[in-house]
């Protein structure tokens, strides 16, 4: 689905780049841009070729081109902001924020970061310098050397609140002492707890983790969580106020150029699946149910296809479902996923962001919750009747019952999504304004 010559140009460019055949890579990416398929990442790859050649002017020109096509993706924006930091003058910016987020192959993580950037920039009438850094690769010494050029630190969004063998004890790279030494106001934006039903040590929400987070919350000037479940749990352990700020990735816009090869009248149904944290036996059972459900949808006149949001986690499933003859899509960015879900009749998903991104487009969505965060989102948006847990009762029949339930109440579901989208947008706008108000008062440029 959605295959054409331009996509082949982009993939060829990536292959040439990996083989260090930069001339052939550059030609392929130029052709991809001219065809209008994946133009943002084609331009970004051209900027990396220029960077490797130490051509900083050409690098920045291609970065500007990439941002013209997609001015929200954290990888593209961060590279442009780093160029500006090294070659420009960020002191002229009206606000300067250093942002930490979980940059992984999971498009939900990057989508959260894109949404935060979007919300803050929409509320900031002047120039906002917003540099995103990965929680995985950030080095304290480097951040410390840059800290004097910033007015504040934003952490989030996504599910950062889980056990991790870092100095902090959770998915943030620095200890509390290191964070405090940066002497900048710190804000958490729409971060959440996780609890997978597989209950591995990483995902267990235990007392140690919550006490660790409570200690960090004493350092946060403003704190927020993405769902009511996370808010309630954190409030028990933290004296700091915690605002409810739903994931802002819901407000990302579809890409103009991204088109599926069916019309809405054909009733396309996106199926978002993952088997993360499950045993091999459980994985086989879950995959079999989803494949049977896909076949049942076809008998009902729908056009189902699978969407995989994490190319690393879901690699085995992508191969399995592709080999079974199913239609499979693997979006490379959150906005590609938004574009997919916006064109669907219905979405049924396990991934949390399949629900968040679909809800943002007011596309009816039902979920199979492999993690408490999925049902927590559905609770928050008022669709708790359209989610089932991934437990021993999970079967083809429970999937059919879930799908029929959401079709029977389709109009009321769309009405709920429309109301909640506006309310969630106001939560985000208000929190973004609070952050910007703080850094404006404390700006080093004032």
Protein backbone atom coordinates (compact mmCIF):
# COMPACT_ATOMS: atom_id res chain seq x y z
CA UNK A 1 0.00 0.00 0.00
CA UNK A 2 1.09 3.54 -0.75
CA UNK A 3 3.96 2.27 -2.90
CA UNK A 4 5.23 4.27 -5.87
CA UNK A 5 8.43 5.20 -7.66
CA UNK A 6 9.21 8.05 -5.26
CA UNK A 7 9.28 5.71 -2.29
CA UNK A 8 11.71 3.52 -4.20
CA UNK A 9 13.94 6.57 -4.78
CA UNK A 10 13.99 7.28 -1.06
CA UNK A 11 14.77 3.68 -0.09
CA UNK A 12 17.45 3.52 -2.78
CA UNK A 13 18.97 6.70 -1.35
CA UNK A 14 19.10 5.19 2.13
CA UNK A 15 20.79 2.06 0.77
CA UNK A 16 23.36 4.09 -1.18
CA UNK A 17 24.02 6.24 1.90
CA UNK A 18 24.61 3.17 4.07
CA UNK A 19 27.05 1.89 1.44
CA UNK A 20 28.84 5.25 1.46
CA UNK A 21 27.93 5.88 -2.18
CA UNK A 22 27.10 9.51 -1.49
CA UNK A 23 26.76 10.73 -5.10
CA UNK A 24 24.20 8.05 -5.95
CA UNK A 25 22.47 8.66 -2.60
CA UNK A 26 22.20 12.40 -3.25
CA UNK A 27 20.72 11.81 -6.71
CA UNK A 28 18.11 9.41 -5.32
CA UNK A 29 17.06 11.79 -2.55
CA UNK A 30 16.78 14.67 -5.04
CA UNK A 31 14.50 12.52 -7.21
CA UNK A 32 12.38 11.59 -4.19
CA UNK A 33 11.90 15.29 -3.34
CA UNK A 34 10.92 16.12 -6.90
CA UNK A 35 8.26 13.36 -6.79
CA UNK A 36 6.90 14.65 -3.48
CA UNK A 37 7.24 11.42 -1.52
CA UNK A 38 8.90 11.59 1.90
CA UNK A 39 10.40 14.98 0.97
CA UNK A 40 11.23 16.00 4.55
CA UNK A 41 13.48 13.02 5.23
CA UNK A 42 14.95 13.11 1.74
CA UNK A 43 16.04 16.71 2.35
CA UNK A 44 17.26 15.76 5.82
CA UNK A 45 19.45 13.00 4.37
CA UNK A 46 20.87 15.48 1.86
CA UNK A 47 21.76 17.72 4.80
CA UNK A 48 23.64 14.83 6.39
CA UNK A 49 25.59 14.27 3.18
CA UNK A 50 26.53 17.96 3.17
CA UNK A 51 27.46 17.76 6.85
CA UNK A 52 29.81 14.84 6.18
CA UNK A 53 31.47 16.99 3.49
CA UNK A 54 31.86 19.90 5.97
CA UNK A 55 29.67 22.09 3.73
CA UNK A 56 27.80 23.91 6.51
CA UNK A 57 25.98 26.34 4.20
CA UNK A 58 24.61 23.52 2.05
CA UNK A 59 23.76 21.56 5.18
CA UNK A 60 21.65 24.40 6.52
CA UNK A 61 19.95 24.95 3.15
CA UNK A 62 18.77 21.35 3.10
CA UNK A 63 17.72 21.52 6.74
CA UNK A 64 15.58 24.53 5.90
CA UNK A 65 14.06 22.55 3.02
CA UNK A 66 13.35 19.62 5.33
CA UNK A 67 11.67 21.88 7.88
CA UNK A 68 9.56 23.45 5.14
CA UNK A 69 8.05 20.01 4.55
CA UNK A 70 7.88 19.00 8.24
CA UNK A 71 8.73 21.61 10.86
CA UNK A 72 7.84 19.43 13.83
CA UNK A 73 9.87 16.21 13.65
CA UNK A 74 12.39 16.29 16.55
CA UNK A 75 15.29 14.78 14.59
CA UNK A 76 15.00 17.32 11.77
CA UNK A 77 14.35 20.25 14.10
CA UNK A 78 17.12 19.31 16.53
CA UNK A 79 19.68 19.15 13.75
CA UNK A 80 18.59 22.59 12.53
CA UNK A 81 18.69 24.01 16.06
CA UNK A 82 22.13 22.51 16.66
CA UNK A 83 23.35 24.18 13.47
CA UNK A 84 21.97 27.45 14.75
CA UNK A 85 23.56 26.90 18.16
CA UNK A 86 26.98 26.34 16.59
CA UNK A 87 26.85 28.80 13.71
CA UNK A 88 24.25 31.40 14.67
CA UNK A 89 23.21 33.55 17.62
CA UNK A 90 20.58 31.98 19.88
CA UNK A 91 20.78 34.86 22.37
CA UNK A 92 18.46 36.77 20.03
CA UNK A 93 15.68 34.24 20.62
CA UNK A 94 12.86 35.39 22.87
CA UNK A 95 12.85 32.03 24.66
CA UNK A 96 15.32 29.15 24.87
CA UNK A 97 14.26 25.67 26.00
CA UNK A 98 16.31 22.49 26.27
CA UNK A 99 14.10 19.45 25.77
CA UNK A 100 14.71 15.80 26.75
CA UNK A 101 12.58 13.04 25.25
CA UNK A 102 12.83 9.27 24.59
CA UNK A 103 14.06 9.28 20.99
CA UNK A 104 13.47 5.67 19.90
CA UNK A 105 12.15 3.91 16.76
CA UNK A 106 8.71 4.09 18.41
CA UNK A 107 6.87 6.88 16.60
CA UNK A 108 4.77 7.48 19.72
CA UNK A 109 7.85 8.84 21.49
CA UNK A 110 8.83 11.17 18.67
CA UNK A 111 5.19 12.13 18.19
CA UNK A 112 4.96 13.29 21.80
CA UNK A 113 8.04 15.45 21.30
CA UNK A 114 6.60 16.88 18.08
CA UNK A 115 3.39 17.76 19.88
CA UNK A 116 5.20 19.56 22.69
CA UNK A 117 7.19 21.63 20.22
CA UNK A 118 4.00 22.47 18.34
CA UNK A 119 2.11 23.55 21.49
CA UNK A 120 4.93 25.74 22.81
CA UNK A 121 5.60 27.41 19.49
CA UNK A 122 1.92 28.10 18.88
CA UNK A 123 1.70 29.91 22.21
CA UNK A 124 4.94 31.84 21.68
CA UNK A 125 4.41 34.85 19.42
CA UNK A 126 8.13 35.52 19.19
CA UNK A 127 11.08 33.34 18.22
CA UNK A 128 11.40 30.21 20.42
CA UNK A 129 14.66 28.26 20.37
CA UNK A 130 13.75 24.67 21.24
CA UNK A 131 16.54 22.07 21.21
CA UNK A 132 15.52 18.41 21.67
CA UNK A 133 17.98 15.89 23.08
CA UNK A 134 17.58 12.14 23.43
CA UNK A 135 17.30 10.69 26.93
CA UNK A 136 19.41 7.80 25.65
CA UNK A 137 22.44 9.71 24.42
CA UNK A 138 22.58 13.02 26.32
CA UNK A 139 25.89 13.60 28.12
CA UNK A 140 25.89 15.63 31.33
CA UNK A 141 29.16 17.45 30.61
CA UNK A 142 27.90 18.60 27.23
CA UNK A 143 24.54 19.70 28.59
CA UNK A 144 26.25 21.52 31.46
CA UNK A 145 28.39 23.45 28.97
CA UNK A 146 25.25 24.49 27.06
CA UNK A 147 23.04 25.28 30.02
CA UNK A 148 23.99 28.97 30.21
CA UNK A 149 22.37 29.48 26.80
CA UNK A 150 18.95 28.23 27.95
CA UNK A 151 16.09 29.53 30.08
CA UNK A 152 14.57 26.21 31.09
CA UNK A 153 14.41 22.43 30.68
CA UNK A 154 11.38 20.50 29.42
CA UNK A 155 11.20 16.74 30.05
CA UNK A 156 8.71 14.66 28.06
CA UNK A 157 6.39 13.53 26.83
CA UNK A 158 5.88 9.81 26.61
CA UNK A 159 6.17 7.05 29.20
CA UNK A 160 9.43 8.14 30.83
CA UNK A 161 8.29 7.01 34.25
CA UNK A 162 9.63 3.47 34.39
CA UNK A 163 12.58 1.75 36.07
CA UNK A 164 15.84 2.21 34.19
CA UNK A 165 19.51 1.60 35.16
CA UNK A 166 20.52 5.27 34.87
CA UNK A 167 21.81 7.57 37.63
CA UNK A 168 18.24 8.82 38.02
CA UNK A 169 16.58 5.38 38.37
CA UNK A 170 14.02 6.24 35.66
CA UNK A 171 14.21 7.05 31.96
CA UNK A 172 16.08 10.33 32.36
CA UNK A 173 19.87 10.49 31.96
CA UNK A 174 20.95 12.60 34.95
CA UNK A 175 20.79 12.20 38.71
CA UNK A 176 18.78 14.61 40.83
CA UNK A 177 22.00 16.31 41.95
CA UNK A 178 23.15 16.79 38.34
CA UNK A 179 19.77 18.15 37.29
CA UNK A 180 19.74 20.59 40.19
CA UNK A 181 23.27 21.78 39.37
CA UNK A 182 22.13 23.02 35.94
CA UNK A 183 20.30 25.82 37.80
CA UNK A 184 17.43 26.03 35.34
CA UNK A 185 13.69 25.74 35.93
CA UNK A 186 12.53 22.22 35.02
CA UNK A 187 9.13 21.29 33.60
CA UNK A 188 7.64 17.87 32.85
CA UNK A 189 5.19 17.84 29.97
CA UNK A 190 2.60 15.08 29.66
CA UNK A 191 4.80 12.29 31.07
CA UNK A 192 3.16 9.06 32.20
CA UNK A 193 3.55 5.87 34.16
CA UNK A 194 3.56 2.48 32.45
CA UNK A 195 2.41 -0.92 33.63
CA UNK A 196 2.47 -3.70 31.10
CA UNK A 197 0.32 -6.70 31.88
CA UNK A 198 3.41 -8.84 31.35
CA UNK A 199 4.66 -7.25 34.63
CA UNK A 200 8.39 -7.40 33.91
CA UNK A 201 10.62 -5.59 36.41
CA UNK A 202 11.07 -2.62 34.08
CA UNK A 203 7.34 -1.93 33.88
CA UNK A 204 6.36 -2.68 37.48
CA UNK A 205 5.08 0.46 39.20
CA UNK A 206 6.46 -0.26 42.67
CA UNK A 207 7.13 1.86 45.77
CA UNK A 208 10.82 2.35 44.95
CA UNK A 209 10.05 3.83 41.55
CA UNK A 210 7.36 6.12 42.89
CA UNK A 211 9.57 7.37 45.74
CA UNK A 212 12.33 8.06 43.20
CA UNK A 213 9.92 10.05 41.07
CA UNK A 214 8.65 11.93 44.11
CA UNK A 215 12.21 13.03 44.91
CA UNK A 216 12.61 14.36 41.37
CA UNK A 217 9.26 16.11 41.53
CA UNK A 218 10.62 18.38 44.25
CA UNK A 219 12.92 19.78 41.52
CA UNK A 220 10.16 20.36 38.99
CA UNK A 221 8.77 23.88 38.88
CA UNK A 222 5.77 22.70 36.85
CA UNK A 223 4.80 19.04 36.47
CA UNK A 224 2.17 17.30 34.40
CA UNK A 225 1.09 13.77 33.53
CA UNK A 226 -0.65 12.47 30.42
CA UNK A 227 -3.56 10.56 32.01
CA UNK A 228 -5.61 10.59 35.21
CA UNK A 229 -4.15 7.26 36.36
CA UNK A 230 -0.61 8.68 36.32
CA UNK A 231 -1.79 11.91 37.98
CA UNK A 232 -3.49 10.03 40.82
CA UNK A 233 -0.58 7.66 41.45
CA UNK A 234 2.02 10.43 41.45
CA UNK A 235 -0.03 12.69 43.73
CA UNK A 236 0.16 10.03 46.44
CA UNK A 237 3.94 10.32 46.54
CA UNK A 238 4.59 13.94 45.58
CA UNK A 239 3.86 17.17 47.40
CA UNK A 240 4.17 19.05 44.10
CA UNK A 241 0.98 19.78 42.13
CA UNK A 242 0.64 17.60 39.04
CA UNK A 243 -1.47 18.88 36.18
CA UNK A 244 -3.42 16.70 33.78
CA UNK A 245 -1.96 17.43 30.32
CA UNK A 246 -2.89 14.82 27.67
CA UNK A 247 -0.31 13.86 25.08
CA UNK A 248 -0.08 16.74 22.56
CA UNK A 249 0.71 14.39 19.68
CA UNK A 250 -3.08 14.24 19.25
CA UNK A 251 -2.86 17.67 17.63
CA UNK A 252 -0.35 16.83 14.93
CA UNK A 253 -1.67 17.38 11.42
CA UNK A 254 -1.73 14.88 8.54
CA UNK A 255 0.81 15.26 5.76
CA UNK A 256 -0.63 16.69 2.55
CA UNK A 257 1.28 14.28 0.36
CA UNK A 258 0.52 11.03 2.19
CA UNK A 259 -2.29 9.06 0.54
CA UNK A 260 -3.55 5.54 1.03
CA UNK A 261 -4.68 3.68 -2.09
CA UNK A 262 -8.30 3.39 -1.02
CA UNK A 263 -11.07 5.88 -0.38
CA UNK A 264 -12.92 6.28 2.94
CA UNK A 265 -15.99 4.79 1.28
CA UNK A 266 -14.14 1.48 1.12
CA UNK A 267 -14.10 1.40 4.93
CA UNK A 268 -10.42 0.96 5.68
CA UNK A 269 -9.68 -0.39 9.17
CA UNK A 270 -6.22 0.11 10.65
CA UNK A 271 -5.02 -2.58 13.06
CA UNK A 272 -2.13 -1.58 15.33
CA UNK A 273 -0.46 -4.58 16.96
CA UNK A 274 2.48 -5.26 19.27
CA UNK A 275 3.58 -8.27 21.28
CA UNK A 276 6.15 -6.49 23.43
CA UNK A 277 6.75 -8.18 26.78
CA UNK A 278 4.89 -11.39 25.88
CA UNK A 279 6.25 -14.93 25.93
CA UNK A 280 6.65 -16.78 22.62
CA UNK A 281 3.51 -18.79 23.31
CA UNK A 282 1.53 -15.64 24.10
CA UNK A 283 2.91 -13.92 21.01
CA UNK A 284 1.75 -16.79 18.78
CA UNK A 285 -1.74 -16.75 20.28
CA UNK A 286 -2.12 -12.96 20.02
CA UNK A 287 -0.84 -12.87 16.44
CA UNK A 288 -3.22 -15.67 15.43
CA UNK A 289 -6.21 -13.80 16.89
CA UNK A 290 -5.32 -10.61 15.01
CA UNK A 291 -4.88 -12.47 11.71
CA UNK A 292 -8.23 -14.20 12.20
CA UNK A 293 -9.81 -10.83 13.02
CA UNK A 294 -8.35 -9.37 9.81
CA UNK A 295 -10.01 -12.16 7.80
CA UNK A 296 -13.33 -11.62 9.60
CA UNK A 297 -13.25 -7.90 8.76
CA UNK A 298 -12.80 -8.78 5.10
CA UNK A 299 -15.92 -10.96 5.20
CA UNK A 300 -17.82 -7.93 6.58
CA UNK A 301 -16.85 -5.70 3.65
CA UNK A 302 -14.01 -3.79 5.33
CA UNK A 303 -10.48 -3.30 4.05
CA UNK A 304 -8.20 -4.09 7.02
CA UNK A 305 -4.48 -3.51 7.15
CA UNK A 306 -1.84 -3.61 9.86
CA UNK A 307 0.10 -0.58 11.08
CA UNK A 308 3.35 -1.09 13.01
CA UNK A 309 4.55 1.92 14.98
CA UNK A 310 7.92 0.60 16.16
CA UNK A 311 10.11 -0.91 13.45
CA UNK A 312 12.51 -2.35 16.07
CA UNK A 313 10.07 -3.83 18.61
CA UNK A 314 7.73 -5.15 15.95
CA UNK A 315 10.27 -6.55 13.48
CA UNK A 316 9.20 -10.19 13.89
CA UNK A 317 5.53 -9.31 13.60
CA UNK A 318 6.11 -7.24 10.46
CA UNK A 319 7.75 -10.26 8.82
CA UNK A 320 5.07 -12.68 10.06
CA UNK A 321 2.11 -10.60 8.92
CA UNK A 322 3.72 -9.65 5.60
CA UNK A 323 4.45 -13.32 4.85
CA UNK A 324 0.83 -14.16 5.67
CA UNK A 325 -0.31 -11.95 2.80
CA UNK A 326 -1.71 -9.18 5.00
CA UNK A 327 -1.41 -5.53 3.99
CA UNK A 328 1.24 -3.94 6.21
CA UNK A 329 2.26 -0.31 6.70
CA UNK A 330 5.26 0.85 8.74
CA UNK A 331 5.11 4.65 9.05
CA UNK A 332 8.46 6.35 9.62
CA UNK A 333 7.09 9.39 11.47
CA UNK A 334 4.18 10.22 13.74
CA UNK A 335 2.68 12.48 11.09
CA UNK A 336 2.68 9.60 8.62
CA UNK A 337 0.75 7.58 11.19
CA UNK A 338 -1.63 10.52 11.71
CA UNK A 339 -2.14 10.62 7.94
CA UNK A 340 -3.00 6.91 7.94
CA UNK A 341 -5.46 7.05 10.84
CA UNK A 342 -7.12 10.20 9.48
CA UNK A 343 -8.10 8.33 6.31
CA UNK A 344 -9.56 5.31 8.13
CA UNK A 345 -13.13 4.35 8.86
CA UNK A 346 -12.09 2.79 12.20
CA UNK A 347 -8.90 2.02 14.12
CA UNK A 348 -8.43 -0.95 16.44
CA UNK A 349 -5.11 -0.79 18.22
CA UNK A 350 -2.86 -2.10 20.95
CA UNK A 351 -0.32 0.72 20.74
CA UNK A 352 -1.19 3.71 22.93
CA UNK A 353 -0.48 6.18 20.18
CA UNK A 354 -2.73 4.38 17.73
CA UNK A 355 -5.53 5.55 20.05
CA UNK A 356 -4.07 9.01 20.72
CA UNK A 357 -3.36 9.86 17.08
CA UNK A 358 -6.70 8.45 15.90
CA UNK A 359 -8.61 10.35 18.57
CA UNK A 360 -6.89 13.55 17.46
CA UNK A 361 -8.41 13.00 14.01
CA UNK A 362 -11.81 12.06 15.51
CA UNK A 363 -11.53 8.63 13.92
CA UNK A 364 -13.50 6.02 15.94
CA UNK A 365 -11.00 3.89 17.86
CA UNK A 366 -11.16 0.77 20.02
CA UNK A 367 -8.20 -0.67 21.90
CA UNK A 368 -6.72 -3.89 23.22
CA UNK A 369 -4.74 -2.76 26.26
CA UNK A 370 -1.37 -4.52 26.65
CA UNK A 371 -0.28 -1.75 29.03
CA UNK A 372 -2.24 0.19 31.66
CA UNK A 373 -1.41 3.41 29.79
CA UNK A 374 -3.70 2.32 26.92
CA UNK A 375 -6.79 1.84 29.05
CA UNK A 376 -5.81 4.97 31.04
CA UNK A 377 -6.00 7.03 27.86
CA UNK A 378 -9.35 5.52 26.91
CA UNK A 379 -10.62 6.31 30.42
CA UNK A 380 -9.40 9.90 30.09
CA UNK A 381 -11.14 10.42 26.77
CA UNK A 382 -14.42 8.84 27.85
CA UNK A 383 -14.20 5.70 25.69
CA UNK A 384 -13.63 3.19 28.49
CA UNK A 385 -16.40 0.99 27.04
CA UNK A 386 -14.35 0.45 23.90
CA UNK A 387 -11.25 -1.17 25.33
CA UNK A 388 -10.49 -4.73 26.41
CA UNK A 389 -7.47 -6.05 28.29
CA UNK A 390 -4.90 -8.35 26.75
CA UNK A 391 -5.57 -11.23 29.12
CA UNK A 392 -6.54 -14.89 29.01
CA UNK A 393 -10.03 -13.97 27.76
CA UNK A 394 -8.63 -12.28 24.64
CA UNK A 395 -10.01 -14.09 21.58
CA UNK A 396 -11.46 -13.59 18.13
CA UNK A 397 -14.93 -13.35 19.64
CA UNK A 398 -13.96 -10.62 22.10
CA UNK A 399 -12.44 -8.69 19.17
CA UNK A 400 -15.59 -9.09 17.09
CA UNK A 401 -17.77 -7.98 20.03
CA UNK A 402 -15.52 -4.93 20.58
CA UNK A 403 -15.67 -3.95 16.91
CA UNK A 404 -19.44 -4.36 16.69
CA UNK A 405 -19.88 -2.28 19.83
CA UNK A 406 -18.00 0.69 18.42
CA UNK A 407 -19.86 0.46 15.08
CA UNK A 408 -23.23 0.42 16.83
CA UNK A 409 -22.28 3.62 18.68
CA UNK A 410 -20.21 5.23 15.93
CA UNK A 411 -21.98 8.62 15.92
CA UNK A 412 -21.81 9.05 19.71
CA UNK A 413 -18.12 8.02 19.70
CA UNK A 414 -17.30 10.70 17.12
CA UNK A 415 -19.21 13.28 19.20
CA UNK A 416 -17.23 12.33 22.31
CA UNK A 417 -13.94 12.60 20.42
CA UNK A 418 -14.81 16.04 19.08
CA UNK A 419 -15.66 17.36 22.55
CA UNK A 420 -12.64 15.83 24.23
CA UNK A 421 -10.24 17.03 21.55
CA UNK A 422 -11.14 20.65 22.25
CA UNK A 423 -10.91 20.14 26.03
CA UNK A 424 -7.53 18.38 25.74
CA UNK A 425 -6.26 21.15 23.48
CA UNK A 426 -7.09 23.72 26.15
CA UNK A 427 -5.21 21.70 28.80
CA UNK A 428 -2.14 21.77 26.55
CA UNK A 429 -2.40 25.43 25.66
CA UNK A 430 -2.77 26.45 29.30
CA UNK A 431 0.25 24.41 30.39
CA UNK A 432 2.38 25.69 27.50
CA UNK A 433 1.49 29.26 28.47
CA UNK A 434 2.54 28.59 32.07
CA UNK A 435 5.95 27.32 30.93
CA UNK A 436 6.48 30.27 28.63
CA UNK A 437 5.40 32.70 31.35
CA UNK A 438 8.09 31.32 33.67
CA UNK A 439 10.94 31.48 31.15
CA UNK A 440 9.87 34.95 30.02
CA UNK A 441 10.11 36.23 33.62
CA UNK A 442 13.47 34.55 34.16
CA UNK A 443 14.98 35.01 30.69
CA UNK A 444 18.70 35.69 30.71
CA UNK A 445 18.11 38.16 27.95
CA UNK A 446 15.84 40.37 30.11
